Amino acid sequence: MSNELYTIIVSGEKLDFTKDQIVSDPGNYFATYFFGEFAEGAQGTRELYLQKDIQLFKLIQAHLRGYRILPLADAMIPSYMTKEVALINLFLEAQYYGLQRLEERIRCEKPNIVDLASETPPDPQATPPKRYKFAVRSNATISPSN
C-alpha cells in the first residue's frame, strides 16, 4: 500500500487520498490526472482543485476508500437537495469522473436513475415565455356614425 498522499481540494476543503484509493475505481479522472496522460501527472502534481459540493464529494471520497455509501444517509444530503436529487447528482458526478463502479452501484440502488438524470431541469436563466392576453370579440354590430 502506498503511503504517498494526493490532495483534492474541493471548494476550499482538503481531502487526502492514497494512490491505492485513487485507483480503486479503475480508469477514473483522478487516476488519469495524477498518474496518467495529463501533463500534471507527468510533472508530479499532488493537488487538484475543484469547485464542487463538498458533501457530495465526501461520498465520492468514501467510495474510493472502499466504503459502501448507499443508500444515502440523510446527514449526507446537502440541505438544498432532496435525497433523490442528491442521488441523481452523485450519479452524474460518477459519470463525469469516470467512476464506473460507483455508477454501477447507483444503478443497482435506483434502476431508473438514467432516465431521471437525463431529464432536463428548467433553466433558471432562460427568458420566461411571453404571455399574451387575447381580446375577446363581442358579437355586437358596429353601426355607422353620422
N, C-alpha and C. Protein backbone atom coordinates (compact mmCIF):
# COMPACT_ATOMS: atom_id res chain seq x y z
N MET A 1 0.85 -1.18 0.00
CA MET A 1 0.00 0.00 0.00
C MET A 1 0.89 1.24 0.00
N SER A 2 0.58 2.15 -0.89
CA SER A 2 1.34 3.39 -0.98
C SER A 2 0.91 4.34 0.12
N ASN A 3 1.88 4.99 0.74
CA ASN A 3 1.54 5.96 1.78
C ASN A 3 1.69 7.40 1.31
N GLU A 4 2.01 7.59 0.03
CA GLU A 4 2.09 8.94 -0.52
C GLU A 4 0.68 9.49 -0.64
N LEU A 5 0.51 10.76 -0.24
CA LEU A 5 -0.81 11.36 -0.28
C LEU A 5 -0.98 12.30 -1.46
N TYR A 6 -2.19 12.28 -1.98
CA TYR A 6 -2.61 13.17 -3.06
C TYR A 6 -3.81 13.92 -2.52
N THR A 7 -3.84 15.21 -2.75
CA THR A 7 -4.88 16.04 -2.16
C THR A 7 -5.81 16.57 -3.25
N ILE A 8 -7.09 16.41 -3.00
CA ILE A 8 -8.10 17.02 -3.85
C ILE A 8 -8.78 18.08 -2.98
N ILE A 9 -8.66 19.31 -3.41
CA ILE A 9 -9.21 20.43 -2.65
C ILE A 9 -10.55 20.79 -3.28
N VAL A 10 -11.61 20.57 -2.52
CA VAL A 10 -12.97 20.77 -3.01
C VAL A 10 -13.58 21.96 -2.31
N SER A 11 -13.83 23.01 -3.07
CA SER A 11 -14.40 24.25 -2.52
C SER A 11 -13.67 24.69 -1.26
N GLY A 12 -12.35 24.60 -1.30
CA GLY A 12 -11.51 25.07 -0.20
C GLY A 12 -11.20 24.04 0.87
N GLU A 13 -11.85 22.88 0.86
CA GLU A 13 -11.60 21.85 1.88
C GLU A 13 -10.67 20.76 1.31
N LYS A 14 -9.60 20.47 2.05
CA LYS A 14 -8.62 19.49 1.60
C LYS A 14 -9.05 18.07 1.96
N LEU A 15 -9.04 17.20 0.95
CA LEU A 15 -9.33 15.79 1.14
C LEU A 15 -8.13 14.99 0.65
N ASP A 16 -7.56 14.17 1.52
CA ASP A 16 -6.37 13.40 1.17
C ASP A 16 -6.74 11.99 0.75
N PHE A 17 -5.98 11.49 -0.23
CA PHE A 17 -6.16 10.15 -0.77
C PHE A 17 -4.79 9.50 -0.93
N THR A 18 -4.76 8.18 -0.81
CA THR A 18 -3.55 7.45 -1.18
C THR A 18 -3.69 7.06 -2.66
N LYS A 19 -2.60 6.64 -3.26
CA LYS A 19 -2.65 6.19 -4.65
C LYS A 19 -3.60 5.00 -4.78
N ASP A 20 -3.53 4.07 -3.82
CA ASP A 20 -4.42 2.90 -3.87
C ASP A 20 -5.89 3.30 -3.86
N GLN A 21 -6.22 4.31 -3.08
CA GLN A 21 -7.60 4.77 -3.04
C GLN A 21 -8.01 5.39 -4.38
N ILE A 22 -7.14 6.19 -4.94
CA ILE A 22 -7.46 6.87 -6.20
C ILE A 22 -7.68 5.87 -7.33
N VAL A 23 -6.90 4.83 -7.37
CA VAL A 23 -7.02 3.85 -8.46
C VAL A 23 -8.00 2.72 -8.13
N SER A 24 -8.69 2.80 -6.99
CA SER A 24 -9.60 1.73 -6.59
C SER A 24 -10.81 1.59 -7.52
N ASP A 25 -11.14 2.63 -8.24
CA ASP A 25 -12.20 2.57 -9.26
C ASP A 25 -11.48 2.88 -10.57
N PRO A 26 -10.98 1.83 -11.24
CA PRO A 26 -10.05 1.99 -12.37
C PRO A 26 -10.52 2.91 -13.49
N GLY A 27 -9.54 3.63 -14.05
CA GLY A 27 -9.78 4.46 -15.22
C GLY A 27 -10.47 5.78 -14.93
N ASN A 28 -10.52 6.20 -13.69
CA ASN A 28 -11.24 7.43 -13.37
C ASN A 28 -10.40 8.67 -13.65
N TYR A 29 -11.04 9.80 -13.62
CA TYR A 29 -10.41 11.10 -13.90
C TYR A 29 -9.24 11.37 -12.97
N PHE A 30 -9.40 11.08 -11.69
CA PHE A 30 -8.36 11.41 -10.71
C PHE A 30 -7.10 10.58 -10.95
N ALA A 31 -7.27 9.31 -11.27
CA ALA A 31 -6.12 8.46 -11.58
C ALA A 31 -5.41 8.98 -12.83
N THR A 32 -6.19 9.38 -13.82
CA THR A 32 -5.59 9.92 -15.04
C THR A 32 -4.89 11.24 -14.77
N TYR A 33 -5.47 12.07 -13.93
CA TYR A 33 -4.88 13.36 -13.60
C TYR A 33 -3.55 13.20 -12.89
N PHE A 34 -3.52 12.35 -11.86
CA PHE A 34 -2.31 12.21 -11.06
C PHE A 34 -1.28 11.24 -11.66
N PHE A 35 -1.73 10.20 -12.36
CA PHE A 35 -0.81 9.15 -12.79
C PHE A 35 -0.84 8.86 -14.29
N GLY A 36 -1.68 9.56 -15.03
CA GLY A 36 -1.86 9.22 -16.44
C GLY A 36 -1.33 10.24 -17.40
N GLU A 37 -2.11 10.45 -18.46
CA GLU A 37 -1.68 11.26 -19.59
C GLU A 37 -1.69 12.76 -19.36
N PHE A 38 -2.32 13.24 -18.33
CA PHE A 38 -2.35 14.68 -18.09
C PHE A 38 -0.94 15.18 -17.82
N ALA A 39 -0.66 16.39 -18.24
CA ALA A 39 0.65 16.99 -18.01
C ALA A 39 0.94 17.09 -16.52
N GLU A 40 -0.10 17.31 -15.71
CA GLU A 40 0.08 17.42 -14.26
C GLU A 40 0.65 16.14 -13.67
N GLY A 41 0.20 15.00 -14.18
CA GLY A 41 0.72 13.72 -13.70
C GLY A 41 2.18 13.55 -14.03
N ALA A 42 2.57 13.94 -15.23
CA ALA A 42 3.97 13.84 -15.64
C ALA A 42 4.86 14.77 -14.83
N GLN A 43 4.29 15.87 -14.33
CA GLN A 43 5.06 16.83 -13.54
C GLN A 43 5.07 16.49 -12.05
N GLY A 44 4.38 15.42 -11.67
CA GLY A 44 4.36 15.00 -10.27
C GLY A 44 3.41 15.80 -9.39
N THR A 45 2.42 16.42 -9.98
CA THR A 45 1.45 17.19 -9.21
C THR A 45 0.76 16.31 -8.19
N ARG A 46 0.53 16.85 -7.00
CA ARG A 46 -0.14 16.10 -5.93
C ARG A 46 -1.39 16.80 -5.43
N GLU A 47 -1.81 17.87 -6.11
CA GLU A 47 -3.02 18.58 -5.71
C GLU A 47 -3.90 18.84 -6.93
N LEU A 48 -5.19 18.79 -6.67
CA LEU A 48 -6.20 19.08 -7.68
C LEU A 48 -7.26 19.95 -7.01
N TYR A 49 -7.62 21.04 -7.67
CA TYR A 49 -8.62 21.96 -7.14
C TYR A 49 -9.93 21.78 -7.89
N LEU A 50 -11.02 21.64 -7.15
CA LEU A 50 -12.35 21.51 -7.75
C LEU A 50 -13.32 22.44 -7.03
N GLN A 51 -14.26 22.96 -7.77
CA GLN A 51 -15.36 23.73 -7.18
C GLN A 51 -16.62 22.89 -7.31
N LYS A 52 -16.83 22.06 -6.32
CA LYS A 52 -17.97 21.14 -6.31
C LYS A 52 -18.61 21.16 -4.93
N ASP A 53 -19.75 20.50 -4.80
CA ASP A 53 -20.39 20.39 -3.50
C ASP A 53 -19.58 19.45 -2.62
N ILE A 54 -19.14 19.94 -1.48
CA ILE A 54 -18.26 19.16 -0.61
C ILE A 54 -18.95 17.93 -0.05
N GLN A 55 -20.24 18.03 0.29
CA GLN A 55 -20.93 16.86 0.85
C GLN A 55 -21.01 15.74 -0.17
N LEU A 56 -21.35 16.05 -1.41
CA LEU A 56 -21.40 15.02 -2.44
C LEU A 56 -20.00 14.46 -2.69
N PHE A 57 -19.00 15.32 -2.67
CA PHE A 57 -17.65 14.84 -2.93
C PHE A 57 -17.14 13.96 -1.80
N LYS A 58 -17.59 14.20 -0.58
CA LYS A 58 -17.19 13.33 0.53
C LYS A 58 -17.75 11.92 0.34
N LEU A 59 -18.88 11.81 -0.34
CA LEU A 59 -19.41 10.48 -0.69
C LEU A 59 -18.48 9.80 -1.70
N ILE A 60 -17.97 10.57 -2.65
CA ILE A 60 -17.01 10.02 -3.61
C ILE A 60 -15.74 9.59 -2.88
N GLN A 61 -15.28 10.40 -1.95
CA GLN A 61 -14.10 10.04 -1.17
C GLN A 61 -14.34 8.73 -0.41
N ALA A 62 -15.48 8.60 0.24
CA ALA A 62 -15.79 7.37 0.98
C ALA A 62 -15.83 6.17 0.04
N HIS A 63 -16.40 6.36 -1.14
CA HIS A 63 -16.43 5.29 -2.15
C HIS A 63 -15.02 4.85 -2.53
N LEU A 64 -14.15 5.83 -2.81
CA LEU A 64 -12.78 5.49 -3.20
C LEU A 64 -12.00 4.86 -2.05
N ARG A 65 -12.41 5.10 -0.83
CA ARG A 65 -11.78 4.48 0.33
C ARG A 65 -12.33 3.08 0.61
N GLY A 66 -13.29 2.66 -0.20
CA GLY A 66 -13.80 1.30 -0.09
C GLY A 66 -15.06 1.15 0.75
N TYR A 67 -15.68 2.24 1.13
CA TYR A 67 -16.89 2.16 1.95
C TYR A 67 -18.14 2.09 1.08
N ARG A 68 -19.15 1.42 1.63
CA ARG A 68 -20.47 1.42 0.99
C ARG A 68 -21.16 2.72 1.39
N ILE A 69 -21.68 3.43 0.43
CA ILE A 69 -22.30 4.72 0.72
C ILE A 69 -23.79 4.73 0.41
N LEU A 70 -24.31 3.63 -0.10
CA LEU A 70 -25.73 3.56 -0.47
C LEU A 70 -26.45 2.57 0.42
N PRO A 71 -27.67 2.85 0.79
CA PRO A 71 -28.45 4.04 0.48
C PRO A 71 -27.88 5.26 1.19
N LEU A 72 -28.13 6.42 0.62
CA LEU A 72 -27.58 7.66 1.16
C LEU A 72 -28.16 7.97 2.54
N ALA A 73 -27.31 8.35 3.44
CA ALA A 73 -27.74 8.76 4.77
C ALA A 73 -28.29 10.18 4.70
N ASP A 74 -29.33 10.45 5.45
CA ASP A 74 -29.93 11.79 5.46
C ASP A 74 -28.90 12.88 5.78
N ALA A 75 -27.97 12.57 6.67
CA ALA A 75 -26.97 13.56 7.08
C ALA A 75 -26.02 13.94 5.94
N MET A 76 -25.94 13.11 4.90
CA MET A 76 -25.03 13.39 3.79
C MET A 76 -25.70 14.12 2.63
N ILE A 77 -26.97 14.43 2.79
CA ILE A 77 -27.69 15.12 1.73
C ILE A 77 -27.51 16.63 1.92
N PRO A 78 -26.99 17.32 0.90
CA PRO A 78 -26.88 18.78 1.03
C PRO A 78 -28.26 19.38 1.34
N SER A 79 -28.29 20.38 2.18
CA SER A 79 -29.56 20.94 2.66
C SER A 79 -30.45 21.48 1.55
N TYR A 80 -29.88 21.81 0.43
CA TYR A 80 -30.67 22.37 -0.67
C TYR A 80 -31.09 21.32 -1.70
N MET A 81 -30.88 20.03 -1.38
CA MET A 81 -31.26 18.95 -2.28
C MET A 81 -32.18 17.97 -1.56
N THR A 82 -33.04 17.33 -2.35
CA THR A 82 -33.78 16.19 -1.83
C THR A 82 -32.87 14.97 -1.93
N LYS A 83 -33.26 13.87 -1.29
CA LYS A 83 -32.45 12.65 -1.35
C LYS A 83 -32.36 12.16 -2.80
N GLU A 84 -33.48 12.24 -3.53
CA GLU A 84 -33.47 11.78 -4.92
C GLU A 84 -32.56 12.66 -5.79
N VAL A 85 -32.63 13.97 -5.60
CA VAL A 85 -31.78 14.88 -6.38
C VAL A 85 -30.30 14.66 -6.04
N ALA A 86 -30.00 14.43 -4.76
CA ALA A 86 -28.62 14.16 -4.37
C ALA A 86 -28.11 12.89 -5.04
N LEU A 87 -28.94 11.86 -5.10
CA LEU A 87 -28.53 10.61 -5.75
C LEU A 87 -28.33 10.82 -7.26
N ILE A 88 -29.20 11.59 -7.88
CA ILE A 88 -29.03 11.91 -9.31
C ILE A 88 -27.73 12.68 -9.51
N ASN A 89 -27.48 13.68 -8.68
CA ASN A 89 -26.25 14.46 -8.82
C ASN A 89 -25.00 13.61 -8.56
N LEU A 90 -25.08 12.70 -7.59
CA LEU A 90 -23.96 11.80 -7.34
C LEU A 90 -23.73 10.90 -8.55
N PHE A 91 -24.80 10.43 -9.16
CA PHE A 91 -24.69 9.60 -10.36
C PHE A 91 -24.04 10.39 -11.50
N LEU A 92 -24.47 11.63 -11.69
CA LEU A 92 -23.88 12.47 -12.75
C LEU A 92 -22.40 12.74 -12.48
N GLU A 93 -22.03 12.95 -11.21
CA GLU A 93 -20.63 13.13 -10.85
C GLU A 93 -19.84 11.85 -11.13
N ALA A 94 -20.42 10.71 -10.80
CA ALA A 94 -19.74 9.44 -11.07
C ALA A 94 -19.50 9.27 -12.57
N GLN A 95 -20.48 9.63 -13.38
CA GLN A 95 -20.30 9.57 -14.84
C GLN A 95 -19.20 10.54 -15.27
N TYR A 96 -19.26 11.75 -14.79
CA TYR A 96 -18.30 12.79 -15.19
C TYR A 96 -16.87 12.39 -14.85
N TYR A 97 -16.66 11.85 -13.66
CA TYR A 97 -15.32 11.47 -13.23
C TYR A 97 -14.93 10.06 -13.63
N GLY A 98 -15.78 9.36 -14.34
CA GLY A 98 -15.44 8.01 -14.81
C GLY A 98 -15.35 6.99 -13.68
N LEU A 99 -16.15 7.17 -12.65
CA LEU A 99 -16.17 6.24 -11.52
C LEU A 99 -17.20 5.16 -11.83
N GLN A 100 -16.79 4.19 -12.65
CA GLN A 100 -17.72 3.20 -13.17
C GLN A 100 -18.30 2.30 -12.09
N ARG A 101 -17.51 1.94 -11.09
CA ARG A 101 -18.03 1.10 -10.01
C ARG A 101 -19.10 1.84 -9.22
N LEU A 102 -18.87 3.10 -8.93
CA LEU A 102 -19.87 3.89 -8.22
C LEU A 102 -21.12 4.06 -9.07
N GLU A 103 -20.93 4.34 -10.33
CA GLU A 103 -22.06 4.49 -11.24
C GLU A 103 -22.91 3.22 -11.25
N GLU A 104 -22.26 2.06 -11.33
CA GLU A 104 -22.98 0.79 -11.35
C GLU A 104 -23.71 0.53 -10.03
N ARG A 105 -23.10 0.89 -8.92
CA ARG A 105 -23.76 0.71 -7.62
C ARG A 105 -25.01 1.58 -7.51
N ILE A 106 -24.93 2.79 -8.04
CA ILE A 106 -26.09 3.67 -8.01
C ILE A 106 -27.19 3.11 -8.91
N ARG A 107 -26.82 2.56 -10.06
CA ARG A 107 -27.81 1.94 -10.96
C ARG A 107 -28.52 0.77 -10.27
N CYS A 108 -27.78 0.01 -9.49
CA CYS A 108 -28.39 -1.11 -8.76
C CYS A 108 -29.36 -0.60 -7.68
N GLU A 109 -28.99 0.49 -7.05
CA GLU A 109 -29.81 1.10 -6.00
C GLU A 109 -31.09 1.70 -6.58
N LYS A 110 -30.95 2.34 -7.74
CA LYS A 110 -32.07 3.04 -8.36
C LYS A 110 -32.02 2.77 -9.86
N PRO A 111 -32.65 1.67 -10.31
CA PRO A 111 -32.55 1.26 -11.72
C PRO A 111 -32.98 2.31 -12.74
N ASN A 112 -33.88 3.21 -12.39
CA ASN A 112 -34.34 4.23 -13.36
C ASN A 112 -33.53 5.52 -13.28
N ILE A 113 -32.35 5.47 -12.67
CA ILE A 113 -31.53 6.66 -12.47
C ILE A 113 -31.13 7.32 -13.79
N VAL A 114 -30.90 6.53 -14.82
CA VAL A 114 -30.50 7.10 -16.12
C VAL A 114 -31.63 7.97 -16.66
N ASP A 115 -32.86 7.50 -16.53
CA ASP A 115 -34.00 8.29 -17.00
C ASP A 115 -34.13 9.57 -16.18
N LEU A 116 -34.00 9.45 -14.88
CA LEU A 116 -34.12 10.63 -14.01
C LEU A 116 -33.01 11.63 -14.29
N ALA A 117 -31.79 11.13 -14.51
CA ALA A 117 -30.64 12.01 -14.74
C ALA A 117 -30.71 12.69 -16.09
N SER A 118 -31.41 12.09 -17.05
CA SER A 118 -31.46 12.67 -18.39
C SER A 118 -32.57 13.70 -18.54
N GLU A 119 -33.46 13.78 -17.54
CA GLU A 119 -34.50 14.81 -17.60
C GLU A 119 -33.83 16.17 -17.51
N THR A 120 -34.23 17.06 -18.39
CA THR A 120 -33.64 18.39 -18.41
C THR A 120 -34.37 19.28 -17.42
N PRO A 121 -33.64 19.76 -16.41
CA PRO A 121 -34.31 20.67 -15.47
C PRO A 121 -34.55 22.02 -16.12
N PRO A 122 -35.52 22.76 -15.63
CA PRO A 122 -35.75 24.08 -16.22
C PRO A 122 -34.54 24.98 -15.99
N ASP A 123 -34.23 25.77 -17.00
CA ASP A 123 -33.09 26.68 -16.92
C ASP A 123 -33.54 27.97 -16.23
N PRO A 124 -33.00 28.24 -15.02
CA PRO A 124 -33.43 29.45 -14.31
C PRO A 124 -33.00 30.74 -15.01
N GLN A 125 -32.02 30.65 -15.91
CA GLN A 125 -31.54 31.83 -16.62
C GLN A 125 -32.31 32.08 -17.92
N ALA A 126 -33.15 31.12 -18.28
CA ALA A 126 -33.89 31.26 -19.53
C ALA A 126 -34.91 32.39 -19.43
N THR A 127 -35.17 33.03 -20.55
CA THR A 127 -36.17 34.09 -20.59
C THR A 127 -37.53 33.44 -20.46
N PRO A 128 -38.35 33.92 -19.53
CA PRO A 128 -39.66 33.30 -19.38
C PRO A 128 -40.49 33.50 -20.64
N PRO A 129 -41.35 32.55 -20.92
CA PRO A 129 -42.16 32.70 -22.13
C PRO A 129 -43.08 33.91 -22.01
N LYS A 130 -43.33 34.54 -23.14
CA LYS A 130 -44.23 35.70 -23.14
C LYS A 130 -45.66 35.20 -22.98
N ARG A 131 -46.40 35.95 -22.24
CA ARG A 131 -47.81 35.63 -22.05
C ARG A 131 -48.62 36.76 -22.70
N TYR A 132 -49.53 36.36 -23.54
CA TYR A 132 -50.34 37.34 -24.24
C TYR A 132 -51.78 37.26 -23.76
N LYS A 133 -52.40 38.40 -23.70
CA LYS A 133 -53.83 38.43 -23.42
C LYS A 133 -54.52 38.53 -24.76
N PHE A 134 -55.46 37.70 -24.93
CA PHE A 134 -56.20 37.73 -26.18
C PHE A 134 -57.47 38.54 -25.97
N ALA A 135 -57.79 39.36 -26.97
CA ALA A 135 -59.01 40.16 -26.92
C ALA A 135 -60.20 39.24 -27.19
N VAL A 136 -61.26 39.54 -26.54
CA VAL A 136 -62.48 38.77 -26.76
C VAL A 136 -63.39 39.62 -27.63
N ARG A 137 -63.78 39.05 -28.76
CA ARG A 137 -64.69 39.77 -29.66
C ARG A 137 -66.11 39.62 -29.17
N SER A 138 -66.75 40.69 -29.23
CA SER A 138 -68.18 40.60 -28.91
C SER A 138 -68.93 40.50 -30.23
N ASN A 139 -70.10 40.00 -30.17
CA ASN A 139 -70.92 39.86 -31.37
C ASN A 139 -71.73 41.13 -31.67
N ALA A 140 -71.42 42.19 -30.96
CA ALA A 140 -72.15 43.45 -31.19
C ALA A 140 -71.82 43.99 -32.56
N THR A 141 -72.81 44.54 -33.19
CA THR A 141 -72.58 45.11 -34.51
C THR A 141 -72.20 46.57 -34.35
N ILE A 142 -71.40 47.00 -35.25
CA ILE A 142 -70.97 48.39 -35.23
C ILE A 142 -71.85 49.15 -36.20
N SER A 143 -72.46 50.19 -35.65
CA SER A 143 -73.34 50.98 -36.53
C SER A 143 -72.53 52.16 -37.07
N PRO A 144 -72.76 52.51 -38.30
CA PRO A 144 -72.04 53.63 -38.87
C PRO A 144 -72.46 54.93 -38.16
N SER A 145 -71.49 55.75 -37.93
CA SER A 145 -71.81 57.02 -37.29
C SER A 145 -72.16 58.07 -38.33
N ASN A 146 -72.99 58.94 -37.95
CA ASN A 146 -73.45 60.00 -38.84
C ASN A 146 -72.59 61.19 -38.77
